[in-house]
Protein backbone atom coordinates (compact mmCIF):
# COMPACT_ATOMS: atom_id res chain seq x y z
CA MET A 1 0.00 0.00 0.00
CA GLY A 2 2.74 2.33 0.82
CA GLU A 3 2.75 5.76 2.38
CA PHE A 4 -0.28 6.97 0.37
CA GLY A 5 -2.44 4.08 1.64
CA GLU A 6 -1.47 4.70 5.27
CA ASN A 7 -2.35 8.41 4.95
CA MET A 8 -5.77 7.51 3.52
CA LYS A 9 -6.39 5.10 6.40
CA ARG A 10 -5.51 7.79 8.94
CA ARG A 11 -7.76 10.32 7.21
CA TRP A 12 -10.68 7.87 7.14
CA ARG A 13 -10.15 7.04 10.82
CA SER A 14 -10.06 10.75 11.65
CA LEU A 15 -13.20 11.36 9.61
CA VAL A 16 -15.07 8.48 11.25
CA LEU A 17 -13.92 9.62 14.70
CA MET A 18 -15.01 13.20 14.00
CA LEU A 19 -18.42 12.10 12.67
CA THR A 20 -18.92 9.87 15.72
CA LEU A 21 -17.99 12.72 18.02
CA VAL A 22 -20.32 15.21 16.27
CA THR A 23 -23.19 12.68 16.29
CA THR A 24 -22.68 11.96 19.99
CA ILE A 25 -22.63 15.66 20.85
CA ALA A 26 -25.82 16.22 18.81
CA ILE A 27 -27.63 13.34 20.54
CA VAL A 28 -26.57 14.45 24.03
CA GLY A 29 -27.49 18.06 23.26
CA ASN A 30 -30.90 17.02 21.98
CA ASN A 31 -31.54 14.94 25.12
CA ILE A 32 -30.56 17.84 27.37
CA TYR A 33 -32.84 20.21 25.41
CA ALA A 34 -35.78 17.75 25.60
CA HIS A 35 -35.25 17.31 29.34
CA THR A 36 -35.20 21.06 30.01
CA GLN A 37 -38.33 21.56 27.87
CA THR A 38 -40.17 18.80 29.74
CA ARG A 39 -39.10 20.25 33.09
CA ALA A 40 -40.20 23.77 32.06
CA ALA A 41 -43.60 22.45 30.91
CA GLY A 42 -44.03 20.69 34.26
CA LEU A 43 -43.21 23.88 36.16
CA ARG A 44 -45.69 25.88 34.05
CA GLU A 45 -48.40 23.27 34.62
CA ALA A 46 -47.73 23.37 38.37
CA GLY A 47 -48.25 27.14 38.23
CA TYR A 48 -51.57 26.67 36.40
CA GLN A 49 -52.70 24.18 39.04
CA THR A 50 -51.73 26.59 41.83
CA THR A 51 -53.80 29.33 40.17
CA LEU A 52 -56.70 26.90 39.79
CA ARG A 53 -56.62 25.97 43.49
CA ALA A 54 -56.55 29.64 44.50
CA TYR A 55 -59.72 30.32 42.49
CA GLN A 56 -61.36 27.11 43.75
CA LYS A 57 -60.93 28.30 47.35
CA VAL A 58 -62.90 31.48 46.64
CA LEU A 59 -65.38 30.45 43.93
CA LEU A 60 -67.29 27.39 45.07
CA PRO A 61 -69.51 25.09 43.03
CA GLY A 62 -73.14 26.22 43.18
CA MET A 63 -72.32 29.96 43.23
CA GLU A 64 -74.47 31.91 40.79
CA ARG A 65 -72.87 33.17 37.60
CA ALA A 66 -73.48 36.82 38.55
CA ALA A 67 -71.62 36.34 41.86
CA VAL A 68 -68.70 34.57 40.14
CA GLU A 69 -68.39 37.32 37.50
CA SER A 70 -68.61 40.00 40.18
CA LYS A 71 -65.70 38.41 42.09
CA LEU A 72 -63.71 38.12 38.87
CA ARG A 73 -64.28 41.82 38.12
CA ILE A 74 -63.32 42.84 41.67
CA SER A 75 -60.09 40.82 41.42
CA GLY A 76 -59.26 42.55 38.12
CA ALA A 77 -59.37 39.34 36.08
CA LYS A 78 -60.29 39.89 32.45
CA PHE A 79 -62.74 37.23 31.36
CA PHE A 80 -64.97 36.42 28.44
CA GLY A 81 -67.93 34.10 27.99
CA ILE A 82 -67.99 31.16 25.63
CA CYS A 83 -70.39 28.44 24.66
CA CYS A 84 -70.00 25.52 25.13
CA GLU A 85 -67.02 24.09 26.97
CA ASN A 86 -67.81 20.39 27.57
CA GLY A 87 -71.45 21.18 26.78
CA LEU A 88 -71.56 23.91 29.43
CA PHE A 89 -71.57 27.70 29.24
CA ALA A 90 -68.30 29.08 30.55
CA ASP A 91 -66.40 32.22 31.43
CA GLU A 92 -62.67 32.02 30.76
CA VAL A 93 -59.66 33.83 32.18
CA PHE A 94 -56.30 33.75 30.36
CA ILE A 95 -53.55 32.44 32.65
CA GLY A 96 -50.67 31.53 30.34
CA HIS A 97 -49.40 30.16 27.09
CA GLU A 98 -47.46 27.12 25.95
CA PRO A 99 -45.26 26.61 22.90
CA ALA A 100 -47.49 26.16 19.87
CA PRO A 101 -46.99 23.57 17.14
CA TRP A 102 -45.90 24.91 13.77
CA TYR A 103 -49.43 24.84 12.36
CA CYS A 104 -50.97 27.03 15.09
CA GLY A 105 -50.34 30.63 16.04
CA SER A 106 -50.79 30.14 19.78
CA ASN A 107 -51.41 27.58 22.50
CA ASN A 108 -53.14 29.53 25.26
CA VAL A 109 -54.09 28.33 28.72
CA TYR A 110 -57.30 29.46 30.42
CA LEU A 111 -59.20 28.88 33.61
CA SER A 112 -62.66 27.82 32.50
CA PHE A 113 -65.50 28.59 34.91
CA GLN A 114 -68.21 26.21 33.71
CA PHE A 115 -71.86 26.85 34.52
CA GLN A 116 -74.76 24.45 34.47
CA PRO A 117 -77.27 25.84 31.95
CA GLY A 118 -80.76 26.58 33.19
CA PRO A 119 -84.03 25.66 31.45
CA GLU A 120 -83.52 28.51 28.99
CA MET A 121 -80.35 28.57 26.97
CA PHE A 122 -77.93 31.47 27.57
CA ARG A 123 -79.68 34.31 29.35
CA GLY A 124 -76.68 36.50 30.09
CA PRO A 125 -74.49 37.23 33.10
CA GLU A 126 -77.41 38.26 35.25
CA SER A 127 -78.74 34.71 35.16
CA GLY A 128 -78.66 32.42 38.14
CA GLU A 129 -76.76 29.63 36.41
CA PRO A 130 -74.78 27.76 39.09
CA LEU A 131 -71.03 27.24 38.83
CA LYS A 132 -70.41 23.56 38.14
CA THR A 133 -66.62 23.39 37.97
CA ILE A 134 -63.41 25.30 37.34
CA ALA A 135 -60.85 23.67 35.06
CA VAL A 136 -57.55 24.44 33.35
CA VAL A 137 -58.09 24.41 29.57
CA HIS A 138 -55.33 24.32 26.95
CA ARG A 139 -56.53 25.68 23.60
CA LEU A 140 -54.72 25.75 20.28
CA GLU A 141 -55.68 28.91 18.41
CA GLN A 142 -55.13 30.43 14.98
CA CYS A 143 -54.48 27.01 13.44
CA LEU A 144 -54.27 26.18 9.76
């Protein structure tokens, strides 16, 4: 083979070693990134659950919609009404956002105050619809 063959062998070994090293670094880096993203998502979710518990201490099931909305206004929470979260009328308060997939503009997180509808459909905030539950809701928005 001679000197030329030995140089080629060394170059190939160096190339293989370098590619192995780069691949290993990429895999380790990706695992570290995935771990930190999972940890951050867990911390955000814990914050949402803490916010939920704080509202659940003050706004109890059975409270009338008008009383719930009054307490939300007093606390300065901006809310809006929607129909129909899990088949129930709801008021929602924005509490955070998560990373959105590429096909959506946002992935927002809300507290959903769900009310049991009365015999008439939606009658407005002055109605006596009782609060059924409060839940954390993740909603993808502005999707393709």
